[in-house]
């Protein structure tokens, strides 16, 4: 594999995993551990919609209720999304090698 092929593959992999990593990170900041499988389950959704879909997963909703005393509400999804966008942009704006 030549150097330009490697750079291309790195960009593809970097772009594919950065949203996944950001989703894991924003939920971790809320002290809620989610799995890659839970995030991937809703691939293809818009980011806000994916946050909402994840918040409706039974396991996630129970973890949220244990942590915050109530099931996730729309305002919680809004807050997750507000954290998501800047985190994603900070990753995607990093120069590739």
Foldseek 3Di string as FASTA:
>chain_A
DDPVVVLVVVVVVLVVCLLLVLLQVLCVVVVQGDDSCLQVVPPPDPQLVSLVSSLPPPVNQVVCCVSPVHRDDSVNSVVSVVSRVVSSVVSVPDDGD
